[in-house]
Amino acid sequence: MKALKPSMKENKRYLLVRGKNLKINIEKAILEFIGVLGYSKACPKIIKSGVDFAVLSVNREAINSVRASFAVCPDKVGVEKVSGTLKGLGKKNIKRTKNLK
């Protein structure tokens, strides 16, 4: 099978999310707001996680739906920064989030 052209690949965005029990709350918030079909279109993956932060990879077309689902969620889950690359998200932001305890 031929490799995809760069223009045909899925474009990802990376979100720095803060809150508590993120592995459970992220999935629950997205499923409650946009449902199973929206969850599969958003294709969220946790890249890195800590005590009160997580770096989440999301499909570019579904970024607004995912942010809205966190805003509606009763648990405190907030998006601190969105970036097109992991390097752009920066280690500085992750370290700052760790110190906010």
PDB file of N, CA and C in Angstrom:
ATOM      1  N   MET A   1       0.833  -1.175   0.000  1.00  0.00           N
ATOM      2  CA  MET A   1       0.000   0.000   0.000  1.00  0.00           C
ATOM      3  C   MET A   1       0.886   1.250   0.000  1.00  0.00           C
ATOM      4  N   LYS A   2       0.486   2.224  -0.780  1.00  0.00           N
ATOM      5  CA  LYS A   2       1.238   3.458  -0.908  1.00  0.00           C
ATOM      6  C   LYS A   2       1.095   4.331   0.342  1.00  0.00           C
ATOM      7  N   ALA A   3       2.124   5.074   0.642  1.00  0.00           N
ATOM      8  CA  ALA A   3       2.068   6.017   1.755  1.00  0.00           C
ATOM      9  C   ALA A   3       1.199   7.213   1.367  1.00  0.00           C
ATOM     10  N   LEU A   4       0.544   7.789   2.378  1.00  0.00           N
ATOM     11  CA  LEU A   4      -0.302   8.962   2.134  1.00  0.00           C
ATOM     12  C   LEU A   4       0.547  10.207   1.892  1.00  0.00           C
ATOM     13  N   LYS A   5       0.027  11.085   1.067  1.00  0.00           N
ATOM     14  CA  LYS A   5       0.668  12.379   0.869  1.00  0.00           C
ATOM     15  C   LYS A   5       0.499  13.194   2.153  1.00  0.00           C
ATOM     16  N   PRO A   6       1.405  14.113   2.412  1.00  0.00           N
ATOM     17  CA  PRO A   6       1.274  14.933   3.614  1.00  0.00           C
ATOM     18  C   PRO A   6      -0.040  15.713   3.678  1.00  0.00           C
ATOM     19  N   SER A   7      -0.578  16.100   2.543  1.00  0.00           N
ATOM     20  CA  SER A   7      -1.832  16.855   2.539  1.00  0.00           C
ATOM     21  C   SER A   7      -3.035  15.983   2.884  1.00  0.00           C
ATOM     22  N   MET A   8      -2.896  14.670   2.797  1.00  0.00           N
ATOM     23  CA  MET A   8      -4.007  13.762   3.082  1.00  0.00           C
ATOM     24  C   MET A   8      -3.981  13.214   4.512  1.00  0.00           C
ATOM     25  N   LYS A   9      -2.902  13.465   5.241  1.00  0.00           N
ATOM     26  CA  LYS A   9      -2.784  12.950   6.602  1.00  0.00           C
ATOM     27  C   LYS A   9      -3.650  13.761   7.552  1.00  0.00           C
ATOM     28  N   GLU A  10      -4.025  13.129   8.675  1.00  0.00           N
ATOM     29  CA  GLU A  10      -4.789  13.828   9.701  1.00  0.00           C
ATOM     30  C   GLU A  10      -3.902  14.852  10.378  1.00  0.00           C
ATOM     31  N   ASN A  11      -4.410  16.048  10.522  1.00  0.00           N
ATOM     32  CA  ASN A  11      -3.674  17.085  11.235  1.00  0.00           C
ATOM     33  C   ASN A  11      -4.081  17.042  12.698  1.00  0.00           C
ATOM     34  N   LYS A  12      -3.110  17.034  13.572  1.00  0.00           N
ATOM     35  CA  LYS A  12      -3.359  16.950  15.007  1.00  0.00           C
ATOM     36  C   LYS A  12      -3.084  18.290  15.670  1.00  0.00           C
ATOM     37  N   ARG A  13      -3.749  18.514  16.773  1.00  0.00           N
ATOM     38  CA  ARG A  13      -3.464  19.636  17.655  1.00  0.00           C
ATOM     39  C   ARG A  13      -3.233  19.045  19.038  1.00  0.00           C
ATOM     40  N   TYR A  14      -2.388  19.697  19.793  1.00  0.00           N
ATOM     41  CA  TYR A  14      -2.041  19.217  21.121  1.00  0.00           C
ATOM     42  C   TYR A  14      -2.579  20.193  22.151  1.00  0.00           C
ATOM     43  N   LEU A  15      -3.278  19.662  23.158  1.00  0.00           N
ATOM     44  CA  LEU A  15      -3.888  20.477  24.195  1.00  0.00           C
ATOM     45  C   LEU A  15      -3.200  20.199  25.521  1.00  0.00           C
ATOM     46  N   LEU A  16      -2.882  21.258  26.259  1.00  0.00           N
ATOM     47  CA  LEU A  16      -2.412  21.123  27.628  1.00  0.00           C
ATOM     48  C   LEU A  16      -3.643  21.284  28.505  1.00  0.00           C
ATOM     49  N   VAL A  17      -4.053  20.195  29.138  1.00  0.00           N
ATOM     50  CA  VAL A  17      -5.286  20.157  29.921  1.00  0.00           C
ATOM     51  C   VAL A  17      -4.912  20.050  31.390  1.00  0.00           C
ATOM     52  N   ARG A  18      -5.616  20.796  32.243  1.00  0.00           N
ATOM     53  CA  ARG A  18      -5.363  20.694  33.676  1.00  0.00           C
ATOM     54  C   ARG A  18      -6.649  20.337  34.402  1.00  0.00           C
ATOM     55  N   GLY A  19      -6.496  19.651  35.520  1.00  0.00           N
ATOM     56  CA  GLY A  19      -7.628  19.217  36.320  1.00  0.00           C
ATOM     57  C   GLY A  19      -7.244  18.015  37.153  1.00  0.00           C
ATOM     58  N   LYS A  20      -8.252  17.331  37.688  1.00  0.00           N
ATOM     59  CA  LYS A  20      -8.002  16.152  38.519  1.00  0.00           C
ATOM     60  C   LYS A  20      -8.645  14.930  37.881  1.00  0.00           C
ATOM     61  N   ASN A  21      -8.043  13.774  38.098  1.00  0.00           N
ATOM     62  CA  ASN A  21      -8.516  12.500  37.523  1.00  0.00           C
ATOM     63  C   ASN A  21      -8.728  12.636  36.017  1.00  0.00           C
ATOM     64  N   LEU A  22      -7.742  13.140  35.330  1.00  0.00           N
ATOM     65  CA  LEU A  22      -7.902  13.492  33.918  1.00  0.00           C
ATOM     66  C   LEU A  22      -8.140  12.298  33.014  1.00  0.00           C
ATOM     67  N   LYS A  23      -7.515  11.165  33.283  1.00  0.00           N
ATOM     68  CA  LYS A  23      -7.690  10.016  32.396  1.00  0.00           C
ATOM     69  C   LYS A  23      -9.155   9.594  32.333  1.00  0.00           C
ATOM     70  N   ILE A  24      -9.849   9.701  33.439  1.00  0.00           N
ATOM     71  CA  ILE A  24     -11.276   9.345  33.480  1.00  0.00           C
ATOM     72  C   ILE A  24     -12.135  10.508  32.988  1.00  0.00           C
ATOM     73  N   ASN A  25     -11.850  11.718  33.482  1.00  0.00           N
ATOM     74  CA  ASN A  25     -12.697  12.877  33.186  1.00  0.00           C
ATOM     75  C   ASN A  25     -12.650  13.319  31.730  1.00  0.00           C
ATOM     76  N   ILE A  26     -11.510  13.164  31.061  1.00  0.00           N
ATOM     77  CA  ILE A  26     -11.411  13.562  29.652  1.00  0.00           C
ATOM     78  C   ILE A  26     -12.333  12.706  28.804  1.00  0.00           C
ATOM     79  N   GLU A  27     -12.234  11.403  28.976  1.00  0.00           N
ATOM     80  CA  GLU A  27     -13.069  10.494  28.185  1.00  0.00           C
ATOM     81  C   GLU A  27     -14.551  10.697  28.492  1.00  0.00           C
ATOM     82  N   LYS A  28     -14.876  10.844  29.779  1.00  0.00           N
ATOM     83  CA  LYS A  28     -16.268  11.020  30.185  1.00  0.00           C
ATOM     84  C   LYS A  28     -16.860  12.313  29.622  1.00  0.00           C
ATOM     85  N   ALA A  29     -16.099  13.408  29.675  1.00  0.00           N
ATOM     86  CA  ALA A  29     -16.594  14.703  29.195  1.00  0.00           C
ATOM     87  C   ALA A  29     -16.854  14.674  27.693  1.00  0.00           C
ATOM     88  N   ILE A  30     -15.934  14.098  26.933  1.00  0.00           N
ATOM     89  CA  ILE A  30     -16.098  14.066  25.475  1.00  0.00           C
ATOM     90  C   ILE A  30     -17.257  13.158  25.082  1.00  0.00           C
ATOM     91  N   LEU A  31     -17.361  11.994  25.714  1.00  0.00           N
ATOM     92  CA  LEU A  31     -18.448  11.069  25.381  1.00  0.00           C
ATOM     93  C   LEU A  31     -19.815  11.649  25.726  1.00  0.00           C
ATOM     94  N   GLU A  32     -19.920  12.365  26.853  1.00  0.00           N
ATOM     95  CA  GLU A  32     -21.210  12.942  27.246  1.00  0.00           C
ATOM     96  C   GLU A  32     -21.639  14.060  26.302  1.00  0.00           C
ATOM     97  N   PHE A  33     -20.699  14.855  25.827  1.00  0.00           N
ATOM     98  CA  PHE A  33     -21.061  16.027  25.028  1.00  0.00           C
ATOM     99  C   PHE A  33     -21.210  15.715  23.544  1.00  0.00           C
ATOM    100  N   ILE A  34     -20.244  15.026  22.933  1.00  0.00           N
ATOM    101  CA  ILE A  34     -20.321  14.803  21.484  1.00  0.00           C
ATOM    102  C   ILE A  34     -20.594  13.355  21.109  1.00  0.00           C
ATOM    103  N   GLY A  35     -20.676  12.463  22.087  1.00  0.00           N
ATOM    104  CA  GLY A  35     -21.076  11.083  21.819  1.00  0.00           C
ATOM    105  C   GLY A  35     -19.964  10.218  21.239  1.00  0.00           C
ATOM    106  N   VAL A  36     -20.328   8.994  20.918  1.00  0.00           N
ATOM    107  CA  VAL A  36     -19.361   8.008  20.431  1.00  0.00           C
ATOM    108  C   VAL A  36     -18.848   8.378  19.045  1.00  0.00           C
ATOM    109  N   LEU A  37     -19.721   8.829  18.162  1.00  0.00           N
ATOM    110  CA  LEU A  37     -19.300   9.203  16.810  1.00  0.00           C
ATOM    111  C   LEU A  37     -18.348  10.402  16.846  1.00  0.00           C
ATOM    112  N   GLY A  38     -18.674  11.390  17.657  1.00  0.00           N
ATOM    113  CA  GLY A  38     -17.794  12.547  17.805  1.00  0.00           C
ATOM    114  C   GLY A  38     -16.465  12.181  18.443  1.00  0.00           C
ATOM    115  N   TYR A  39     -16.503  11.231  19.378  1.00  0.00           N
ATOM    116  CA  TYR A  39     -15.274  10.757  20.023  1.00  0.00           C
ATOM    117  C   TYR A  39     -14.361  10.097  18.999  1.00  0.00           C
ATOM    118  N   SER A  40     -14.955   9.316  18.105  1.00  0.00           N
ATOM    119  CA  SER A  40     -14.138   8.642  17.090  1.00  0.00           C
ATOM    120  C   SER A  40     -13.598   9.639  16.059  1.00  0.00           C
ATOM    121  N   LYS A  41     -14.337  10.703  15.776  1.00  0.00           N
ATOM    122  CA  LYS A  41     -13.844  11.731  14.853  1.00  0.00           C
ATOM    123  C   LYS A  41     -12.743  12.569  15.497  1.00  0.00           C
ATOM    124  N   ALA A  42     -12.879  12.837  16.798  1.00  0.00           N
ATOM    125  CA  ALA A  42     -11.875  13.633  17.505  1.00  0.00           C
ATOM    126  C   ALA A  42     -10.591  12.842  17.721  1.00  0.00           C
ATOM    127  N   CYS A  43     -10.721  11.529  17.911  1.00  0.00           N
ATOM    128  CA  CYS A  43      -9.559  10.641  18.053  1.00  0.00           C
ATOM    129  C   CYS A  43      -8.604  11.129  19.150  1.00  0.00           C
ATOM    130  N   PRO A  44      -9.103  11.366  20.386  1.00  0.00           N
ATOM    131  CA  PRO A  44      -8.225  11.883  21.440  1.00  0.00           C
ATOM    132  C   PRO A  44      -7.275  10.814  21.979  1.00  0.00           C
ATOM    133  N   LYS A  45      -6.037  11.207  22.212  1.00  0.00           N
ATOM    134  CA  LYS A  45      -5.030  10.314  22.791  1.00  0.00           C
ATOM    135  C   LYS A  45      -4.235  11.098  23.824  1.00  0.00           C
ATOM    136  N   ILE A  46      -4.036  10.500  24.979  1.00  0.00           N
ATOM    137  CA  ILE A  46      -3.220  11.131  26.009  1.00  0.00           C
ATOM    138  C   ILE A  46      -1.760  10.819  25.702  1.00  0.00           C
ATOM    139  N   ILE A  47      -0.995  11.866  25.437  1.00  0.00           N
ATOM    140  CA  ILE A  47       0.415  11.721  25.092  1.00  0.00           C
ATOM    141  C   ILE A  47       1.263  11.645  26.358  1.00  0.00           C
ATOM    142  N   LYS A  48       0.998  12.539  27.299  1.00  0.00           N
ATOM    143  CA  LYS A  48       1.763  12.603  28.534  1.00  0.00           C
ATOM    144  C   LYS A  48       0.822  13.039  29.640  1.00  0.00           C
ATOM    145  N   SER A  49       0.989  12.480  30.833  1.00  0.00           N
ATOM    146  CA  SER A  49       0.120  12.890  31.929  1.00  0.00           C
ATOM    147  C   SER A  49       0.904  12.955  33.228  1.00  0.00           C
ATOM    148  N   GLY A  50       0.409  13.786  34.118  1.00  0.00           N
ATOM    149  CA  GLY A  50       0.997  13.952  35.436  1.00  0.00           C
ATOM    150  C   GLY A  50      -0.115  13.947  36.466  1.00  0.00           C
ATOM    151  N   VAL A  51       0.172  14.490  37.637  1.00  0.00           N
ATOM    152  CA  VAL A  51      -0.812  14.500  38.717  1.00  0.00           C
ATOM    153  C   VAL A  51      -2.015  15.363  38.361  1.00  0.00           C
ATOM    154  N   ASP A  52      -1.774  16.566  37.859  1.00  0.00           N
ATOM    155  CA  ASP A  52      -2.878  17.483  37.581  1.00  0.00           C
ATOM    156  C   ASP A  52      -2.839  18.061  36.167  1.00  0.00           C
ATOM    157  N   PHE A  53      -2.106  17.425  35.249  1.00  0.00           N
ATOM    158  CA  PHE A  53      -2.069  17.904  33.873  1.00  0.00           C
ATOM    159  C   PHE A  53      -1.987  16.721  32.926  1.00  0.00           C
ATOM    160  N   ALA A  54      -2.346  16.974  31.674  1.00  0.00           N
ATOM    161  CA  ALA A  54      -2.204  15.965  30.620  1.00  0.00           C
ATOM    162  C   ALA A  54      -2.008  16.684  29.297  1.00  0.00           C
ATOM    163  N   VAL A  55      -1.242  16.062  28.410  1.00  0.00           N
ATOM    164  CA  VAL A  55      -1.087  16.550  27.046  1.00  0.00           C
ATOM    165  C   VAL A  55      -1.926  15.630  26.178  1.00  0.00           C
ATOM    166  N   LEU A  56      -2.899  16.210  25.493  1.00  0.00           N
ATOM    167  CA  LEU A  56      -3.885  15.457  24.733  1.00  0.00           C
ATOM    168  C   LEU A  56      -3.733  15.760  23.250  1.00  0.00           C
ATOM    169  N   SER A  57      -3.731  14.724  22.428  1.00  0.00           N
ATOM    170  CA  SER A  57      -3.668  14.870  20.979  1.00  0.00           C
ATOM    171  C   SER A  57      -5.082  14.717  20.423  1.00  0.00           C
ATOM    172  N   VAL A  58      -5.516  15.691  19.602  1.00  0.00           N
ATOM    173  CA  VAL A  58      -6.883  15.701  19.077  1.00  0.00           C
ATOM    174  C   VAL A  58      -6.839  16.052  17.594  1.00  0.00           C
ATOM    175  N   ASN A  59      -7.769  15.502  16.816  1.00  0.00           N
ATOM    176  CA  ASN A  59      -7.891  15.826  15.399  1.00  0.00           C
ATOM    177  C   ASN A  59      -8.254  17.311  15.251  1.00  0.00           C
ATOM    178  N   ARG A  60      -7.680  17.962  14.262  1.00  0.00           N
ATOM    179  CA  ARG A  60      -7.838  19.411  14.092  1.00  0.00           C
ATOM    180  C   ARG A  60      -9.284  19.837  13.879  1.00  0.00           C
ATOM    181  N   GLU A  61     -10.064  19.053  13.146  1.00  0.00           N
ATOM    182  CA  GLU A  61     -11.445  19.439  12.849  1.00  0.00           C
ATOM    183  C   GLU A  61     -12.338  19.396  14.089  1.00  0.00           C
ATOM    184  N   ALA A  62     -11.965  18.633  15.099  1.00  0.00           N
ATOM    185  CA  ALA A  62     -12.821  18.449  16.272  1.00  0.00           C
ATOM    186  C   ALA A  62     -12.361  19.254  17.477  1.00  0.00           C
ATOM    187  N   ILE A  63     -11.419  20.158  17.297  1.00  0.00           N
ATOM    188  CA  ILE A  63     -10.853  20.882  18.436  1.00  0.00           C
ATOM    189  C   ILE A  63     -11.902  21.731  19.157  1.00  0.00           C
ATOM    190  N   ASN A  64     -12.795  22.372  18.421  1.00  0.00           N
ATOM    191  CA  ASN A  64     -13.821  23.210  19.053  1.00  0.00           C
ATOM    192  C   ASN A  64     -14.820  22.375  19.837  1.00  0.00           C
ATOM    193  N   SER A  65     -15.174  21.214  19.334  1.00  0.00           N
ATOM    194  CA  SER A  65     -16.099  20.329  20.044  1.00  0.00           C
ATOM    195  C   SER A  65     -15.484  19.809  21.336  1.00  0.00           C
ATOM    196  N   VAL A  66     -14.214  19.487  21.293  1.00  0.00           N
ATOM    197  CA  VAL A  66     -13.533  18.976  22.485  1.00  0.00           C
ATOM    198  C   VAL A  66     -13.421  20.071  23.540  1.00  0.00           C
ATOM    199  N   ARG A  67     -13.083  21.276  23.122  1.00  0.00           N
ATOM    200  CA  ARG A  67     -13.000  22.393  24.076  1.00  0.00           C
ATOM    201  C   ARG A  67     -14.367  22.691  24.691  1.00  0.00           C
ATOM    202  N   ALA A  68     -15.418  22.617  23.875  1.00  0.00           N
ATOM    203  CA  ALA A  68     -16.771  22.849  24.383  1.00  0.00           C
ATOM    204  C   ALA A  68     -17.167  21.766  25.378  1.00  0.00           C
ATOM    205  N   SER A  69     -16.772  20.532  25.118  1.00  0.00           N
ATOM    206  CA  SER A  69     -17.116  19.445  26.038  1.00  0.00           C
ATOM    207  C   SER A  69     -16.430  19.630  27.391  1.00  0.00           C
ATOM    208  N   PHE A  70     -15.214  20.188  27.404  1.00  0.00           N
ATOM    209  CA  PHE A  70     -14.550  20.460  28.677  1.00  0.00           C
ATOM    210  C   PHE A  70     -15.214  21.625  29.403  1.00  0.00           C
ATOM    211  N   ALA A  71     -15.716  22.597  28.660  1.00  0.00           N
ATOM    212  CA  ALA A  71     -16.382  23.748  29.272  1.00  0.00           C
ATOM    213  C   ALA A  71     -17.700  23.348  29.920  1.00  0.00           C
ATOM    214  N   VAL A  72     -18.405  22.398  29.320  1.00  0.00           N
ATOM    215  CA  VAL A  72     -19.708  21.963  29.827  1.00  0.00           C
ATOM    216  C   VAL A  72     -19.555  20.945  30.957  1.00  0.00           C
ATOM    217  N   CYS A  73     -18.434  20.284  31.019  1.00  0.00           N
ATOM    218  CA  CYS A  73     -18.191  19.215  31.990  1.00  0.00           C
ATOM    219  C   CYS A  73     -18.313  19.740  33.423  1.00  0.00           C
ATOM    220  N   PRO A  74     -19.040  19.034  34.309  1.00  0.00           N
ATOM    221  CA  PRO A  74     -19.170  19.494  35.695  1.00  0.00           C
ATOM    222  C   PRO A  74     -17.858  19.397  36.479  1.00  0.00           C
ATOM    223  N   ASP A  75     -16.998  18.445  36.112  1.00  0.00           N
ATOM    224  CA  ASP A  75     -15.685  18.348  36.749  1.00  0.00           C
ATOM    225  C   ASP A  75     -14.803  19.457  36.193  1.00  0.00           C
ATOM    226  N   LYS A  76     -13.876  19.933  36.994  1.00  0.00           N
ATOM    227  CA  LYS A  76     -13.031  21.041  36.546  1.00  0.00           C
ATOM    228  C   LYS A  76     -11.933  20.522  35.640  1.00  0.00           C
ATOM    229  N   VAL A  77     -12.183  20.584  34.348  1.00  0.00           N
ATOM    230  CA  VAL A  77     -11.204  20.229  33.328  1.00  0.00           C
ATOM    231  C   VAL A  77     -11.075  21.447  32.425  1.00  0.00           C
ATOM    232  N   GLY A  78      -9.873  22.000  32.346  1.00  0.00           N
ATOM    233  CA  GLY A  78      -9.679  23.209  31.556  1.00  0.00           C
ATOM    234  C   GLY A  78      -8.526  23.079  30.584  1.00  0.00           C
ATOM    235  N   VAL A  79      -8.673  23.731  29.444  1.00  0.00           N
ATOM    236  CA  VAL A  79      -7.613  23.745  28.441  1.00  0.00           C
ATOM    237  C   VAL A  79      -6.761  24.981  28.692  1.00  0.00           C
ATOM    238  N   GLU A  80      -5.477  24.761  28.959  1.00  0.00           N
ATOM    239  CA  GLU A  80      -4.583  25.876  29.229  1.00  0.00           C
ATOM    240  C   GLU A  80      -3.954  26.423  27.957  1.00  0.00           C
ATOM    241  N   LYS A  81      -3.573  25.530  27.026  1.00  0.00           N
ATOM    242  CA  LYS A  81      -2.927  25.976  25.801  1.00  0.00           C
ATOM    243  C   LYS A  81      -3.167  24.960  24.699  1.00  0.00           C
ATOM    244  N   VAL A  82      -3.273  25.443  23.452  1.00  0.00           N
ATOM    245  CA  VAL A  82      -3.406  24.590  22.273  1.00  0.00           C
ATOM    246  C   VAL A  82      -2.240  24.905  21.349  1.00  0.00           C
ATOM    247  N   SER A  83      -1.643  23.847  20.776  1.00  0.00           N
ATOM    248  CA  SER A  83      -0.508  24.047  19.887  1.00  0.00           C
ATOM    249  C   SER A  83      -0.549  23.036  18.761  1.00  0.00           C
ATOM    250  N   GLY A  84       0.110  23.365  17.672  1.00  0.00           N
ATOM    251  CA  GLY A  84       0.196  22.459  16.537  1.00  0.00           C
ATOM    252  C   GLY A  84       1.324  21.454  16.665  1.00  0.00           C
ATOM    253  N   THR A  85       2.281  21.733  17.557  1.00  0.00           N
ATOM    254  CA  THR A  85       3.401  20.821  17.771  1.00  0.00           C
ATOM    255  C   THR A  85       3.629  20.637  19.267  1.00  0.00           C
ATOM    256  N   LEU A  86       4.254  19.534  19.618  1.00  0.00           N
ATOM    257  CA  LEU A  86       4.583  19.306  21.021  1.00  0.00           C
ATOM    258  C   LEU A  86       5.644  20.289  21.496  1.00  0.00           C
ATOM    259  N   LYS A  87       6.553  20.636  20.612  1.00  0.00           N
ATOM    260  CA  LYS A  87       7.597  21.596  20.961  1.00  0.00           C
ATOM    261  C   LYS A  87       6.984  22.968  21.241  1.00  0.00           C
ATOM    262  N   GLY A  88       5.969  23.341  20.477  1.00  0.00           N
ATOM    263  CA  GLY A  88       5.290  24.611  20.681  1.00  0.00           C
ATOM    264  C   GLY A  88       4.541  24.664  21.997  1.00  0.00           C
ATOM    265  N   LEU A  89       4.082  23.518  22.455  1.00  0.00           N
ATOM    266  CA  LEU A  89       3.409  23.445  23.749  1.00  0.00           C
ATOM    267  C   LEU A  89       4.399  23.787  24.850  1.00  0.00           C
ATOM    268  N   GLY A  90       5.603  23.334  24.699  1.00  0.00           N
ATOM    269  CA  GLY A  90       6.710  23.748  25.556  1.00  0.00           C
ATOM    270  C   GLY A  90       6.781  23.055  26.888  1.00  0.00           C
ATOM    271  N   LYS A  91       7.995  22.804  27.304  1.00  0.00           N
ATOM    272  CA  LYS A  91       8.229  22.209  28.617  1.00  0.00           C
ATOM    273  C   LYS A  91       7.941  23.215  29.716  1.00  0.00           C
ATOM    274  N   LYS A  92       8.081  24.507  29.393  1.00  0.00           N
ATOM    275  CA  LYS A  92       7.861  25.553  30.378  1.00  0.00           C
ATOM    276  C   LYS A  92       6.427  25.504  30.908  1.00  0.00           C
ATOM    277  N   ASN A  93       5.459  25.343  30.009  1.00  0.00           N
ATOM    278  CA  ASN A  93       4.058  25.293  30.414  1.00  0.00           C
ATOM    279  C   ASN A  93       3.773  24.069  31.264  1.00  0.00           C
ATOM    280  N   ILE A  94       4.379  22.941  30.927  1.00  0.00           N
ATOM    281  CA  ILE A  94       4.153  21.720  31.688  1.00  0.00           C
ATOM    282  C   ILE A  94       4.755  21.856  33.081  1.00  0.00           C
ATOM    283  N   LYS A  95       5.949  22.429  33.196  1.00  0.00           N
ATOM    284  CA  LYS A  95       6.570  22.628  34.506  1.00  0.00           C
ATOM    285  C   LYS A  95       5.747  23.590  35.346  1.00  0.00           C
ATOM    286  N   ARG A  96       5.241  24.651  34.719  1.00  0.00           N
ATOM    287  CA  ARG A  96       4.434  25.633  35.445  1.00  0.00           C
ATOM    288  C   ARG A  96       3.159  24.989  35.965  1.00  0.00           C
ATOM    289  N   THR A  97       2.565  24.095  35.184  1.00  0.00           N
ATOM    290  CA  THR A  97       1.351  23.406  35.599  1.00  0.00           C
ATOM    291  C   THR A  97       1.635  22.480  36.769  1.00  0.00           C
ATOM    292  N   LYS A  98       2.797  21.844  36.791  1.00  0.00           N
ATOM    293  CA  LYS A  98       3.157  20.963  37.905  1.00  0.00           C
ATOM    294  C   LYS A  98       3.258  21.744  39.204  1.00  0.00           C
ATOM    295  N   ASN A  99       3.729  22.990  39.139  1.00  0.00           N
ATOM    296  CA  ASN A  99       3.936  23.790  40.340  1.00  0.00           C
ATOM    297  C   ASN A  99       2.660  24.450  40.854  1.00  0.00           C
ATOM    298  N   LEU A 100       1.548  24.326  40.167  1.00  0.00           N
ATOM    299  CA  LEU A 100       0.305  24.994  40.571  1.00  0.00           C
ATOM    300  C   LEU A 100      -0.462  24.269  41.666  1.00  0.00           C
ATOM    301  N   LYS A 101       0.024  23.177  42.182  1.00  0.00           N
ATOM    302  CA  LYS A 101      -0.685  22.366  43.180  1.00  0.00           C
ATOM    303  C   LYS A 101      -1.281  23.157  44.238  1.00  0.00           C
TER     304      LYS A 101
END
